N, C-alpha and C. Protein backbone atom coordinates (compact mmCIF):
# COMPACT_ATOMS: atom_id res chain seq x y z
N VAL A 1 10.30 1.21 -20.79
CA VAL A 1 11.25 1.74 -19.59
C VAL A 1 10.12 1.78 -18.45
N LEU A 2 10.30 1.03 -17.52
CA LEU A 2 9.61 1.23 -16.15
C LEU A 2 9.70 2.40 -15.10
N ARG A 3 8.64 2.90 -14.57
CA ARG A 3 8.80 4.09 -13.92
C ARG A 3 9.58 3.60 -12.57
N TRP A 4 9.74 4.38 -11.86
CA TRP A 4 10.60 3.98 -10.41
C TRP A 4 9.76 3.36 -9.53
N TRP A 5 8.65 3.35 -9.14
CA TRP A 5 7.78 2.29 -8.23
C TRP A 5 7.51 1.37 -9.32
N GLN A 6 7.22 0.97 -10.45
CA GLN A 6 7.33 -0.29 -10.73
C GLN A 6 8.69 -1.17 -10.84
N SER A 7 9.91 -0.22 -10.84
CA SER A 7 11.05 -1.11 -10.99
C SER A 7 11.18 -1.56 -9.22
N LEU A 8 10.75 -0.64 -8.08
CA LEU A 8 10.84 -0.87 -6.90
C LEU A 8 9.57 -2.34 -6.67
N ALA A 9 8.76 -2.22 -7.04
CA ALA A 9 7.50 -3.21 -6.81
C ALA A 9 8.14 -4.44 -7.15
N LEU A 10 8.84 -4.54 -8.57
CA LEU A 10 9.22 -5.92 -9.05
C LEU A 10 10.28 -6.49 -8.25
N ARG A 11 11.51 -5.23 -7.90
CA ARG A 11 12.76 -5.90 -7.30
C ARG A 11 12.18 -6.36 -5.84
N ARG A 12 11.48 -5.73 -5.15
CA ARG A 12 10.72 -6.11 -3.95
C ARG A 12 10.14 -7.52 -4.19
N GLN A 13 9.29 -7.83 -5.07
CA GLN A 13 8.40 -9.03 -5.19
C GLN A 13 9.42 -9.98 -5.58
N LEU A 14 10.26 -9.93 -5.93
CA LEU A 14 11.40 -11.12 -6.50
C LEU A 14 12.61 -11.11 -5.49
N GLU A 15 12.44 -10.62 -4.34
CA GLU A 15 13.36 -10.57 -3.53
C GLU A 15 13.51 -12.31 -3.23
N HIS A 16 14.71 -12.87 -2.67
CA HIS A 16 15.12 -14.04 -2.35
C HIS A 16 15.95 -14.17 -1.35
N ASP A 17 16.00 -15.80 -0.48
CA ASP A 17 16.94 -16.11 0.45
C ASP A 17 18.14 -16.59 -0.14
N ALA A 18 18.69 -16.66 0.52
CA ALA A 18 20.41 -17.62 0.49
C ALA A 18 20.34 -18.62 -0.78
N ASP A 19 19.58 -19.34 -0.62
CA ASP A 19 19.35 -20.18 -1.62
C ASP A 19 18.68 -20.11 -2.73
N GLY A 20 18.16 -18.80 -2.95
CA GLY A 20 17.40 -18.40 -4.41
C GLY A 20 15.98 -18.53 -4.54
N ASN A 21 15.58 -19.08 -3.50
CA ASN A 21 14.25 -19.29 -3.03
C ASN A 21 13.35 -17.89 -2.77
N LEU A 22 12.37 -17.42 -3.43
CA LEU A 22 11.10 -16.29 -3.03
C LEU A 22 10.83 -15.95 -2.03
N VAL A 23 11.13 -15.11 -0.99
CA VAL A 23 10.73 -14.68 0.14
C VAL A 23 9.38 -14.38 0.20
N TRP A 24 8.53 -13.77 -0.73
CA TRP A 24 7.14 -13.29 -0.46
C TRP A 24 6.05 -13.99 -1.32
N SER A 25 5.25 -14.67 -0.51
CA SER A 25 4.20 -15.47 -1.07
C SER A 25 2.95 -14.67 -1.88
N GLN A 26 2.61 -13.50 -0.81
CA GLN A 26 1.56 -12.90 -1.38
C GLN A 26 2.03 -11.12 -1.66
N VAL A 27 1.66 -10.54 -2.47
CA VAL A 27 1.84 -9.00 -2.98
C VAL A 27 0.54 -8.36 -2.54
N VAL A 28 0.59 -7.61 -1.72
CA VAL A 28 -0.91 -6.75 -1.59
C VAL A 28 -0.88 -5.31 -2.19
N GLU A 29 -1.11 -4.84 -3.20
CA GLU A 29 -0.43 -3.47 -3.84
C GLU A 29 -2.09 -2.72 -4.01
N SER A 30 -1.39 -1.16 -3.72
CA SER A 30 -2.68 -0.60 -3.71
C SER A 30 -1.70 1.08 -4.16
N THR A 31 -2.62 1.35 -5.49
CA THR A 31 -1.70 2.87 -5.86
C THR A 31 -2.90 3.38 -6.83
N PRO A 32 -3.11 4.79 -6.95
CA PRO A 32 -4.07 5.43 -7.57
C PRO A 32 -4.44 4.92 -9.18
N ARG A 33 -5.20 5.38 -9.44
CA ARG A 33 -5.65 5.15 -10.83
C ARG A 33 -4.39 5.86 -12.06
N ARG A 34 -4.04 5.16 -13.21
CA ARG A 34 -3.23 5.63 -13.97
C ARG A 34 -1.72 5.79 -13.16
N SER A 35 -1.42 4.87 -12.59
CA SER A 35 -0.02 5.09 -11.86
C SER A 35 0.93 3.91 -12.79
N GLY A 36 0.19 2.81 -13.46
CA GLY A 36 1.13 2.29 -13.92
C GLY A 36 1.09 0.32 -13.61
N LYS A 37 -0.08 0.10 -13.33
CA LYS A 37 -0.33 -1.00 -12.78
C LYS A 37 -0.05 -2.10 -13.90
N SER A 38 -0.60 -2.00 -14.81
CA SER A 38 -0.95 -2.69 -15.73
C SER A 38 0.72 -3.21 -16.25
N VAL A 39 1.29 -2.06 -16.73
CA VAL A 39 2.68 -2.78 -17.14
C VAL A 39 3.43 -3.10 -16.43
N ARG A 40 3.11 -3.01 -15.01
CA ARG A 40 4.01 -3.58 -13.79
C ARG A 40 3.39 -5.28 -13.72
N LEU A 41 2.20 -5.50 -13.75
CA LEU A 41 1.87 -7.00 -14.13
C LEU A 41 2.32 -7.40 -15.14
N ARG A 42 2.43 -6.71 -16.40
CA ARG A 42 2.69 -7.47 -17.39
C ARG A 42 4.36 -7.67 -17.51
N ALA A 43 4.99 -6.91 -17.01
CA ALA A 43 6.47 -7.42 -16.90
C ALA A 43 6.80 -8.27 -15.81
N VAL A 44 5.78 -8.72 -14.93
CA VAL A 44 6.19 -9.74 -13.92
C VAL A 44 5.75 -10.91 -14.22
N ALA A 45 4.41 -11.09 -15.27
CA ALA A 45 4.14 -11.91 -15.66
C ALA A 45 5.09 -12.75 -16.98
N LEU A 46 5.63 -11.93 -17.90
CA LEU A 46 6.50 -12.08 -18.75
C LEU A 46 8.10 -12.60 -18.14
N TRP A 47 8.23 -11.81 -16.88
CA TRP A 47 9.43 -12.53 -16.04
C TRP A 47 9.10 -13.94 -15.95
N ARG A 48 8.00 -14.12 -15.31
CA ARG A 48 7.81 -15.46 -14.90
C ARG A 48 7.86 -16.70 -15.74
N ILE A 49 7.15 -16.47 -16.90
CA ILE A 49 7.30 -17.56 -17.83
C ILE A 49 8.69 -17.53 -18.45
N HIS A 50 9.16 -16.51 -18.41
CA HIS A 50 10.65 -16.51 -19.05
C HIS A 50 11.57 -17.04 -18.04
N HIS A 51 11.20 -17.04 -17.22
CA HIS A 51 12.42 -17.55 -16.08
C HIS A 51 12.04 -19.00 -15.58
N ALA A 52 11.40 -20.08 -16.22
CA ALA A 52 10.83 -21.31 -15.41
C ALA A 52 12.22 -22.13 -15.15
N PRO A 53 13.15 -22.07 -16.08
CA PRO A 53 14.28 -22.88 -15.37
C PRO A 53 15.16 -22.49 -14.25
N MET A 54 14.95 -21.28 -14.12
CA MET A 54 15.31 -20.54 -12.65
C MET A 54 14.61 -21.36 -11.64
N ILE A 55 13.29 -21.01 -11.84
CA ILE A 55 12.31 -21.48 -10.39
C ILE A 55 12.23 -22.99 -10.35
N GLY A 56 12.43 -23.62 -11.61
CA GLY A 56 12.58 -25.10 -11.35
C GLY A 56 11.25 -26.16 -12.27
N GLU A 57 10.51 -25.46 -12.51
CA GLU A 57 9.53 -25.93 -13.28
C GLU A 57 8.64 -25.11 -14.23
N GLU A 58 8.00 -26.10 -14.66
CA GLU A 58 7.19 -25.41 -16.10
C GLU A 58 6.04 -24.32 -15.52
N GLN A 59 5.99 -23.24 -15.92
CA GLN A 59 5.27 -21.94 -15.21
C GLN A 59 3.66 -21.79 -15.93
N LEU A 60 3.06 -21.44 -14.94
CA LEU A 60 1.70 -21.27 -15.58
C LEU A 60 1.26 -19.61 -14.79
N VAL A 61 1.26 -18.58 -15.55
CA VAL A 61 0.69 -17.50 -14.88
C VAL A 61 -1.00 -17.29 -15.35
N LEU A 62 -1.55 -17.13 -14.29
CA LEU A 62 -2.95 -16.93 -14.61
C LEU A 62 -3.59 -15.69 -13.87
N LEU A 63 -4.00 -14.61 -14.83
CA LEU A 63 -4.25 -13.14 -14.53
C LEU A 63 -5.92 -13.26 -14.94
N THR A 64 -6.62 -12.66 -13.65
CA THR A 64 -7.79 -12.50 -13.74
C THR A 64 -8.15 -10.88 -13.07
N GLY A 65 -9.30 -10.60 -12.91
CA GLY A 65 -9.69 -9.20 -12.43
C GLY A 65 -11.19 -8.74 -12.54
N LYS A 66 -11.24 -7.74 -12.16
CA LYS A 66 -12.70 -7.37 -11.98
C LYS A 66 -13.62 -7.39 -13.59
N ASP A 67 -12.99 -7.24 -14.77
CA ASP A 67 -13.69 -7.61 -15.74
C ASP A 67 -12.70 -8.11 -16.74
N VAL A 68 -12.84 -8.84 -17.71
CA VAL A 68 -12.07 -9.44 -18.65
C VAL A 68 -11.50 -8.46 -19.86
N PRO A 69 -12.41 -7.54 -20.34
CA PRO A 69 -11.84 -6.93 -21.37
C PRO A 69 -10.64 -5.93 -20.80
N ILE A 70 -10.64 -5.64 -19.52
CA ILE A 70 -9.50 -4.61 -18.84
C ILE A 70 -8.25 -5.61 -18.88
N VAL A 71 -8.21 -6.66 -18.25
CA VAL A 71 -7.27 -7.71 -18.15
C VAL A 71 -6.86 -8.03 -19.60
N ARG A 72 -7.72 -8.37 -20.23
CA ARG A 72 -7.48 -8.50 -21.82
C ARG A 72 -6.41 -7.81 -22.60
N GLU A 73 -6.39 -6.67 -22.18
CA GLU A 73 -5.64 -5.46 -22.52
C GLU A 73 -3.98 -5.34 -21.91
N ILE A 74 -3.98 -5.95 -20.75
CA ILE A 74 -2.87 -6.35 -20.15
C ILE A 74 -2.02 -7.04 -20.97
N ILE A 75 -2.72 -8.25 -21.55
CA ILE A 75 -1.73 -9.13 -22.15
C ILE A 75 -1.84 -8.81 -23.37
N ARG A 76 -2.64 -8.25 -24.26
CA ARG A 76 -2.66 -8.01 -25.67
C ARG A 76 -1.38 -6.97 -25.91
N LYS A 77 -1.20 -6.11 -25.15
CA LYS A 77 0.46 -5.26 -25.39
C LYS A 77 1.27 -6.11 -25.30
N ALA A 78 1.43 -7.15 -24.83
CA ALA A 78 2.28 -8.23 -24.51
C ALA A 78 2.62 -8.89 -26.07
N TRP A 79 1.85 -8.95 -26.76
CA TRP A 79 1.75 -9.90 -28.01
C TRP A 79 2.84 -9.74 -29.00
N PRO A 80 2.95 -8.46 -29.17
CA PRO A 80 4.11 -8.07 -30.27
C PRO A 80 5.89 -8.58 -29.96
N TRP A 81 5.92 -8.20 -28.31
CA TRP A 81 7.20 -8.45 -27.94
C TRP A 81 7.16 -10.43 -27.93
N ALA A 82 5.94 -10.86 -27.51
CA ALA A 82 6.05 -12.56 -27.45
C ALA A 82 6.45 -12.82 -29.13
N GLN A 83 5.73 -12.68 -29.64
CA GLN A 83 5.75 -12.99 -31.23
C GLN A 83 7.31 -12.93 -31.74
N THR A 84 7.79 -11.55 -31.29
CA THR A 84 9.25 -11.18 -31.91
C THR A 84 10.27 -12.43 -31.13
N ASN A 85 9.97 -12.48 -29.96
CA ASN A 85 10.98 -13.40 -28.97
C ASN A 85 10.70 -15.07 -29.12
N GLY A 86 9.82 -15.62 -30.38
CA GLY A 86 9.35 -16.74 -30.60
C GLY A 86 8.62 -17.71 -29.65
N TYR A 87 7.44 -16.63 -29.01
CA TYR A 87 6.55 -17.19 -28.03
C TYR A 87 5.25 -17.63 -28.98
N GLN A 88 4.65 -18.31 -28.43
CA GLN A 88 3.03 -18.85 -29.08
C GLN A 88 2.04 -17.67 -28.76
N VAL A 89 1.24 -17.45 -29.40
CA VAL A 89 0.32 -16.07 -28.69
C VAL A 89 -1.00 -16.78 -29.45
N ARG A 90 -1.99 -16.74 -28.49
CA ARG A 90 -3.40 -17.25 -28.74
C ARG A 90 -4.04 -15.55 -28.58
N LYS A 91 -5.13 -15.65 -29.77
CA LYS A 91 -6.01 -14.11 -29.50
C LYS A 91 -7.18 -14.57 -29.35
N ALA A 92 -8.16 -15.71 -29.12
CA ALA A 92 -9.29 -15.85 -29.08
C ALA A 92 -10.17 -15.54 -28.12
N ASN A 93 -11.22 -15.00 -28.04
CA ASN A 93 -11.69 -14.46 -26.83
C ASN A 93 -12.18 -15.27 -25.93
N GLY A 94 -11.53 -15.35 -24.59
CA GLY A 94 -11.69 -16.06 -23.79
C GLY A 94 -10.72 -17.19 -23.52
N GLN A 95 -9.82 -17.23 -24.44
CA GLN A 95 -8.65 -17.98 -24.50
C GLN A 95 -7.18 -17.26 -24.50
N GLU A 96 -7.01 -16.44 -24.65
CA GLU A 96 -5.96 -15.33 -24.39
C GLU A 96 -4.70 -16.07 -23.54
N GLU A 97 -3.69 -16.24 -24.25
CA GLU A 97 -2.48 -16.67 -23.91
C GLU A 97 -1.27 -16.30 -24.53
N ILE A 98 -0.38 -16.70 -23.72
CA ILE A 98 1.30 -16.42 -24.39
C ILE A 98 1.84 -17.81 -23.82
N GLU A 99 2.57 -18.69 -24.58
CA GLU A 99 3.12 -19.83 -24.46
C GLU A 99 4.63 -19.43 -24.87
N ALA A 100 5.22 -19.68 -23.71
CA ALA A 100 6.97 -19.70 -24.10
C ALA A 100 7.18 -21.35 -24.71
N PRO A 101 8.60 -21.30 -25.20
CA PRO A 101 9.28 -22.56 -25.82
C PRO A 101 9.28 -23.81 -25.25
N ASP A 102 9.27 -23.56 -23.78
CA ASP A 102 9.36 -24.67 -22.96
C ASP A 102 8.13 -25.20 -22.50
N GLY A 103 7.00 -24.35 -22.77
CA GLY A 103 5.43 -24.91 -22.36
C GLY A 103 5.01 -24.01 -21.22
N SER A 104 5.66 -23.13 -20.48
CA SER A 104 5.10 -22.03 -19.87
C SER A 104 4.07 -21.17 -20.70
N ARG A 105 3.05 -20.68 -19.88
CA ARG A 105 2.00 -20.24 -20.02
C ARG A 105 1.46 -18.85 -19.40
N TRP A 106 1.23 -17.79 -19.99
CA TRP A 106 0.76 -16.71 -19.26
C TRP A 106 -1.06 -16.99 -19.90
N ILE A 107 -1.93 -17.00 -19.32
CA ILE A 107 -3.19 -16.97 -19.50
C ILE A 107 -3.92 -16.03 -18.81
N VAL A 108 -5.19 -15.69 -19.51
CA VAL A 108 -6.33 -15.03 -18.93
C VAL A 108 -7.44 -15.40 -19.04
N ARG A 109 -7.84 -15.43 -17.76
CA ARG A 109 -9.66 -15.80 -17.45
C ARG A 109 -10.62 -15.03 -16.88
N SER A 110 -11.26 -15.09 -16.74
CA SER A 110 -12.39 -14.47 -16.00
C SER A 110 -12.33 -14.57 -14.27
N LYS A 111 -12.91 -14.08 -13.72
CA LYS A 111 -13.06 -14.28 -12.12
C LYS A 111 -13.79 -15.54 -11.80
N ASP A 112 -14.53 -16.04 -12.82
CA ASP A 112 -15.31 -17.33 -12.22
C ASP A 112 -14.70 -18.42 -12.94
N SER A 113 -13.55 -18.22 -13.58
CA SER A 113 -12.97 -19.31 -14.37
C SER A 113 -11.55 -19.55 -13.90
N VAL A 114 -11.30 -19.54 -12.60
CA VAL A 114 -9.78 -19.42 -11.99
C VAL A 114 -9.90 -21.17 -11.67
N TYR A 115 -10.34 -21.86 -11.58
CA TYR A 115 -11.00 -22.95 -10.73
C TYR A 115 -9.88 -24.13 -11.60
N GLY A 116 -9.16 -25.07 -10.99
CA GLY A 116 -8.60 -26.39 -11.89
C GLY A 116 -6.98 -26.17 -12.57
N TYR A 117 -6.69 -25.17 -12.24
CA TYR A 117 -5.57 -24.99 -12.65
C TYR A 117 -4.22 -25.10 -11.87
N ASP A 118 -3.03 -25.25 -12.35
CA ASP A 118 -1.77 -25.05 -11.04
C ASP A 118 -1.51 -24.18 -11.59
N VAL A 119 -1.18 -23.10 -10.41
CA VAL A 119 -0.74 -21.91 -10.80
C VAL A 119 0.27 -21.54 -10.25
N GLY A 120 1.79 -20.97 -11.04
CA GLY A 120 3.00 -20.63 -10.33
C GLY A 120 2.50 -19.10 -9.72
N LEU A 121 2.20 -18.23 -10.59
CA LEU A 121 1.76 -16.68 -10.23
C LEU A 121 0.31 -16.70 -10.52
N GLY A 122 -0.57 -16.14 -9.89
CA GLY A 122 -1.57 -15.70 -9.65
C GLY A 122 -1.76 -14.60 -9.87
N LEU A 123 -2.29 -13.36 -10.56
CA LEU A 123 -2.32 -12.11 -10.46
C LEU A 123 -3.88 -11.71 -10.56
N VAL A 124 -4.14 -10.51 -9.68
CA VAL A 124 -5.57 -10.34 -9.59
C VAL A 124 -5.61 -8.80 -9.91
N ASP A 125 -6.24 -8.08 -11.15
CA ASP A 125 -6.09 -6.66 -11.09
C ASP A 125 -7.60 -6.14 -10.70
N GLU A 126 -7.55 -4.96 -10.30
CA GLU A 126 -8.66 -4.42 -9.92
C GLU A 126 -9.36 -5.03 -8.96
N CYS A 127 -8.69 -5.16 -7.88
CA CYS A 127 -9.60 -6.28 -6.50
C CYS A 127 -10.51 -5.82 -6.24
N HIS A 128 -10.89 -4.44 -6.24
CA HIS A 128 -11.85 -3.46 -5.53
C HIS A 128 -13.31 -4.21 -6.22
N GLY A 129 -13.31 -4.74 -7.35
CA GLY A 129 -14.47 -5.24 -8.07
C GLY A 129 -14.62 -6.70 -7.94
N VAL A 130 -13.63 -7.92 -7.43
CA VAL A 130 -13.43 -8.97 -7.25
C VAL A 130 -14.05 -9.46 -6.16
N ASP A 131 -14.90 -10.55 -5.64
CA ASP A 131 -15.23 -10.92 -4.83
C ASP A 131 -14.22 -11.89 -3.90
N ALA A 132 -14.42 -11.84 -2.61
CA ALA A 132 -13.03 -12.45 -1.80
C ALA A 132 -13.15 -13.94 -2.26
N GLY A 133 -14.29 -14.86 -2.59
CA GLY A 133 -14.43 -16.05 -2.63
C GLY A 133 -13.35 -16.46 -3.98
N VAL A 134 -13.34 -15.65 -5.03
CA VAL A 134 -12.71 -15.75 -6.04
C VAL A 134 -11.11 -15.96 -5.79
N VAL A 135 -10.40 -15.37 -4.68
CA VAL A 135 -9.17 -15.76 -4.38
C VAL A 135 -9.12 -16.79 -3.47
N ASP A 136 -10.10 -16.77 -2.04
CA ASP A 136 -10.03 -17.55 -0.99
C ASP A 136 -10.09 -19.05 -1.53
N ASP A 137 -11.39 -19.18 -2.21
CA ASP A 137 -11.84 -20.41 -2.95
C ASP A 137 -11.02 -21.05 -4.04
N GLY A 138 -10.98 -20.11 -5.39
CA GLY A 138 -10.46 -20.40 -6.21
C GLY A 138 -8.80 -20.31 -6.54
N LEU A 139 -8.43 -19.12 -6.58
CA LEU A 139 -7.01 -18.97 -6.83
C LEU A 139 -5.82 -19.35 -5.87
N GLU A 140 -6.30 -19.33 -4.47
CA GLU A 140 -5.15 -19.59 -3.50
C GLU A 140 -5.08 -20.67 -3.51
N PRO A 141 -5.95 -21.92 -3.61
CA PRO A 141 -5.73 -23.26 -3.68
C PRO A 141 -4.96 -23.83 -5.17
N ALA A 142 -5.15 -22.85 -5.79
CA ALA A 142 -4.42 -23.23 -7.31
C ALA A 142 -2.92 -23.17 -7.01
N LEU A 143 -2.77 -22.34 -6.10
CA LEU A 143 -1.13 -22.22 -5.78
C LEU A 143 -0.46 -23.29 -4.98
N LEU A 144 -1.39 -24.07 -4.54
CA LEU A 144 -0.50 -25.20 -3.47
C LEU A 144 0.20 -26.03 -4.56
N GLU A 145 1.40 -26.66 -3.59
CA GLU A 145 2.50 -27.72 -4.01
C GLU A 145 3.12 -27.21 -5.63
N ARG A 146 3.33 -26.05 -5.44
CA ARG A 146 4.02 -25.16 -6.84
C ARG A 146 5.36 -24.88 -6.20
N ARG A 147 6.52 -24.57 -6.87
CA ARG A 147 7.66 -23.94 -6.67
C ARG A 147 7.62 -22.64 -6.33
N MET A 148 7.95 -22.04 -5.42
CA MET A 148 7.77 -20.72 -5.20
C MET A 148 6.61 -19.72 -5.65
N PRO A 149 5.40 -20.21 -5.52
CA PRO A 149 4.27 -19.48 -5.84
C PRO A 149 4.02 -17.96 -5.49
N GLN A 150 3.49 -17.31 -5.93
CA GLN A 150 3.20 -15.93 -5.56
C GLN A 150 1.70 -15.78 -6.00
N LEU A 151 1.25 -14.64 -5.35
CA LEU A 151 -0.03 -14.21 -5.29
C LEU A 151 -0.26 -12.65 -5.31
N VAL A 152 -0.49 -11.99 -6.29
CA VAL A 152 -0.29 -10.62 -6.34
C VAL A 152 -1.71 -9.84 -6.71
N MET A 153 -2.23 -9.25 -5.58
CA MET A 153 -3.70 -8.70 -5.61
C MET A 153 -3.19 -7.23 -5.88
N THR A 154 -3.80 -6.51 -6.73
CA THR A 154 -3.41 -5.20 -6.91
C THR A 154 -4.73 -4.34 -6.86
N SER A 155 -5.01 -2.98 -6.45
CA SER A 155 -6.17 -2.32 -7.07
C SER A 155 -6.01 -1.27 -6.71
N THR A 156 -6.97 0.17 -7.09
CA THR A 156 -7.04 1.10 -6.54
C THR A 156 -7.88 1.37 -5.69
N ALA A 157 -8.16 2.33 -4.65
CA ALA A 157 -9.35 2.17 -3.47
C ALA A 157 -10.19 2.58 -4.66
N HIS A 158 -11.61 2.09 -4.03
CA HIS A 158 -12.90 2.42 -4.33
C HIS A 158 -14.06 2.40 -3.28
N ARG A 159 -15.00 3.36 -3.28
CA ARG A 159 -16.02 3.23 -2.40
C ARG A 159 -16.76 1.74 -2.23
N LYS A 160 -16.94 1.43 -3.31
CA LYS A 160 -17.63 0.09 -3.43
C LYS A 160 -16.98 -1.20 -3.47
N ALA A 161 -15.78 -1.01 -2.64
CA ALA A 161 -14.92 -2.04 -2.76
C ALA A 161 -15.26 -3.02 -2.10
N THR A 162 -15.20 -4.74 -2.54
CA THR A 162 -15.81 -5.67 -1.89
C THR A 162 -14.76 -5.82 -0.56
N SER A 163 -14.96 -7.16 0.12
CA SER A 163 -14.04 -7.41 1.22
C SER A 163 -12.57 -7.70 0.91
N LEU A 164 -12.56 -8.09 -0.38
CA LEU A 164 -11.08 -8.93 -0.68
C LEU A 164 -10.26 -7.74 -0.41
N MET A 165 -10.04 -6.54 -0.95
CA MET A 165 -8.56 -5.71 -0.65
C MET A 165 -9.00 -4.95 0.67
N ARG A 166 -10.06 -4.64 1.35
CA ARG A 166 -10.43 -4.30 2.69
C ARG A 166 -9.84 -5.31 3.69
N HIS A 167 -10.12 -6.80 3.72
CA HIS A 167 -9.52 -7.23 4.67
C HIS A 167 -8.03 -7.63 4.39
N ARG A 168 -7.65 -7.82 3.11
CA ARG A 168 -6.15 -8.16 2.82
C ARG A 168 -4.94 -7.00 3.55
N LEU A 169 -5.78 -5.65 3.21
CA LEU A 169 -4.75 -4.68 3.56
C LEU A 169 -4.91 -4.71 4.83
N ALA A 170 -5.83 -4.32 5.62
CA ALA A 170 -5.95 -4.77 6.98
C ALA A 170 -5.36 -5.78 7.67
N ALA A 171 -5.47 -6.87 7.64
CA ALA A 171 -4.34 -8.03 7.83
C ALA A 171 -2.97 -7.56 7.67
N ALA A 172 -2.31 -7.21 6.21
CA ALA A 172 -1.25 -6.82 6.16
C ALA A 172 -0.63 -5.62 7.28
N GLN A 173 -1.15 -4.85 7.28
CA GLN A 173 -0.89 -3.62 8.26
C GLN A 173 -1.16 -4.12 9.47
N ALA A 174 -1.89 -4.89 9.98
CA ALA A 174 -1.91 -5.48 11.44
C ALA A 174 -0.61 -6.52 11.49
N GLN A 175 0.11 -6.90 10.47
CA GLN A 175 1.13 -7.62 10.75
C GLN A 175 2.38 -7.07 10.88
N LYS A 176 2.50 -5.58 10.65
CA LYS A 176 3.83 -5.47 10.03
C LYS A 176 4.86 -5.28 11.05
N ASN A 177 4.59 -5.49 12.16
CA ASN A 177 5.79 -5.64 12.82
C ASN A 177 6.25 -7.27 13.38
N ASP A 178 5.42 -8.09 12.70
CA ASP A 178 5.30 -9.42 12.87
C ASP A 178 6.26 -10.21 11.57
N PRO A 179 7.16 -11.30 11.34
CA PRO A 179 7.50 -12.05 10.59
C PRO A 179 6.64 -12.48 9.74
N THR A 180 6.36 -11.97 8.42
CA THR A 180 5.39 -12.45 7.36
C THR A 180 5.86 -12.91 6.12
N ASP A 181 5.13 -13.56 5.48
CA ASP A 181 5.43 -13.65 4.07
C ASP A 181 4.31 -12.61 2.93
N VAL A 182 3.89 -11.75 3.47
CA VAL A 182 2.93 -10.56 2.52
C VAL A 182 3.65 -9.48 2.44
N LEU A 183 4.13 -9.49 1.21
CA LEU A 183 4.68 -7.70 0.76
C LEU A 183 3.57 -6.69 0.81
N LEU A 184 3.54 -5.89 1.38
CA LEU A 184 2.79 -4.66 1.44
C LEU A 184 3.10 -3.71 0.61
N LEU A 185 2.51 -3.00 -0.50
CA LEU A 185 2.72 -1.99 -1.42
C LEU A 185 1.95 -1.11 -1.39
N LEU A 186 2.12 -0.01 -0.42
CA LEU A 186 0.80 0.89 -0.47
C LEU A 186 0.97 2.20 -0.17
N TRP A 187 0.38 2.97 -1.26
CA TRP A 187 0.61 4.42 -1.23
C TRP A 187 -0.70 5.20 -1.14
N CYS A 188 -0.86 5.98 0.17
CA CYS A 188 -1.81 6.61 0.61
C CYS A 188 -1.60 7.60 1.13
N ALA A 189 -2.37 8.78 1.52
CA ALA A 189 -2.22 9.67 2.30
C ALA A 189 -2.09 9.28 3.74
N PRO A 190 -1.39 10.26 4.45
CA PRO A 190 -1.08 9.86 5.96
C PRO A 190 -2.54 10.03 6.59
N ARG A 191 -2.60 9.17 7.69
CA ARG A 191 -3.93 9.21 8.48
C ARG A 191 -4.36 10.49 8.82
N ASN A 192 -5.48 11.09 8.84
CA ASN A 192 -6.02 12.32 9.27
C ASN A 192 -5.13 13.58 8.80
N ALA A 193 -5.01 13.52 7.13
CA ALA A 193 -4.50 14.22 6.56
C ALA A 193 -5.45 15.15 6.13
N ASP A 194 -4.94 16.80 5.81
CA ASP A 194 -5.70 17.64 5.64
C ASP A 194 -6.01 17.21 4.28
N VAL A 195 -7.46 17.44 3.52
CA VAL A 195 -7.42 17.12 2.02
C VAL A 195 -7.20 18.46 1.00
N ALA A 196 -6.56 19.28 1.59
CA ALA A 196 -6.02 20.41 1.03
C ALA A 196 -4.68 20.53 0.89
N ASP A 197 -3.80 19.59 1.55
CA ASP A 197 -2.45 19.47 1.73
C ASP A 197 -1.77 18.60 0.57
N ARG A 198 -1.22 19.30 -0.36
CA ARG A 198 -0.66 19.01 -1.47
C ARG A 198 0.54 17.91 -1.32
N GLU A 199 1.02 18.14 -0.18
CA GLU A 199 2.07 16.85 0.17
C GLU A 199 1.83 15.54 0.17
N ALA A 200 0.28 15.66 1.04
CA ALA A 200 -0.33 14.36 0.77
C ALA A 200 -1.07 13.92 -0.14
N TRP A 201 -1.44 14.97 -1.01
CA TRP A 201 -1.54 14.00 -2.36
C TRP A 201 -0.53 13.58 -2.97
N ARG A 202 0.77 14.20 -2.61
CA ARG A 202 1.99 13.37 -3.21
C ARG A 202 2.29 12.24 -2.70
N ALA A 203 1.87 12.48 -1.41
CA ALA A 203 2.08 10.98 -0.92
C ALA A 203 1.47 9.78 -1.16
N ALA A 204 0.08 10.30 -1.66
CA ALA A 204 -0.71 9.16 -2.04
C ALA A 204 -0.38 8.53 -3.70
N SER A 205 0.53 9.12 -4.06
CA SER A 205 0.68 8.54 -5.65
C SER A 205 2.11 8.45 -6.07
N PRO A 206 2.63 7.13 -6.35
CA PRO A 206 3.99 6.97 -6.62
C PRO A 206 4.36 7.63 -7.92
N HIS A 207 3.46 7.73 -8.89
CA HIS A 207 3.87 8.53 -10.03
C HIS A 207 3.00 10.14 -10.31
N TRP A 208 3.98 11.12 -10.45
CA TRP A 208 3.22 12.34 -10.17
C TRP A 208 3.76 13.18 -11.15
N THR A 209 2.71 13.77 -11.81
CA THR A 209 3.28 14.86 -13.10
C THR A 209 1.97 15.85 -13.00
N PRO A 210 2.55 17.27 -13.33
CA PRO A 210 1.78 18.55 -13.15
C PRO A 210 0.27 17.82 -13.61
N GLU A 211 0.10 17.56 -14.37
CA GLU A 211 -1.27 17.01 -14.94
C GLU A 211 -2.27 16.29 -13.84
N ARG A 212 -1.34 15.34 -13.39
CA ARG A 212 -2.23 14.44 -11.83
C ARG A 212 -2.56 15.61 -11.13
N GLU A 213 -1.33 16.89 -10.74
CA GLU A 213 -1.82 17.38 -9.69
C GLU A 213 -2.78 18.38 -9.75
N ARG A 214 -3.09 18.84 -11.15
CA ARG A 214 -4.23 19.73 -11.86
C ARG A 214 -5.39 18.98 -11.63
N MET A 215 -5.58 17.96 -11.88
CA MET A 215 -6.75 17.11 -11.74
C MET A 215 -7.32 16.97 -10.37
N ILE A 216 -6.21 16.45 -9.45
CA ILE A 216 -6.83 16.42 -7.97
C ILE A 216 -7.16 18.02 -7.57
């Protein structure tokens, strides 16, 4: 069962025009820790390979991120569903993937191994620890010449973040009044908010519980 913000993020990402073409080529997303980004990524990856006929070509979803063990956890929890529904699963270290009956695949790769693929949906998790070149030089070119390609970059905030999310967030906010194909999903405290303001805490988190409030 998806949380409200996960459903919202998926619904916005899959918005399309009158011809059925997806309108967002990039999604820049930032939420606090433990909000449910992994579940949201898992859902959209499975949706993409499950609906290849709707998109119009065999699909390849490539998931990468700050480190392989973390992104492996995202696909690992999809294996039981995949096996139950007739999908093939590979679990070998470094070759993790799910393959649909029509040949569409969801694969996991390290951030240094995103080159040479024809990617329909590129997913980058915990972008705060990913160098900009992984996306700029590796993943974005892999999305060229595909039907309705999308790139999703998601991350928590981090004091030592690389330039990747810093620049992507800044660019998306700078273009907020102009037509663009970048969808910005950003939960954060208002600028100049009082750090003791509980309403600001709540504004910065799409998923809220008493336990989260006590931790903050």
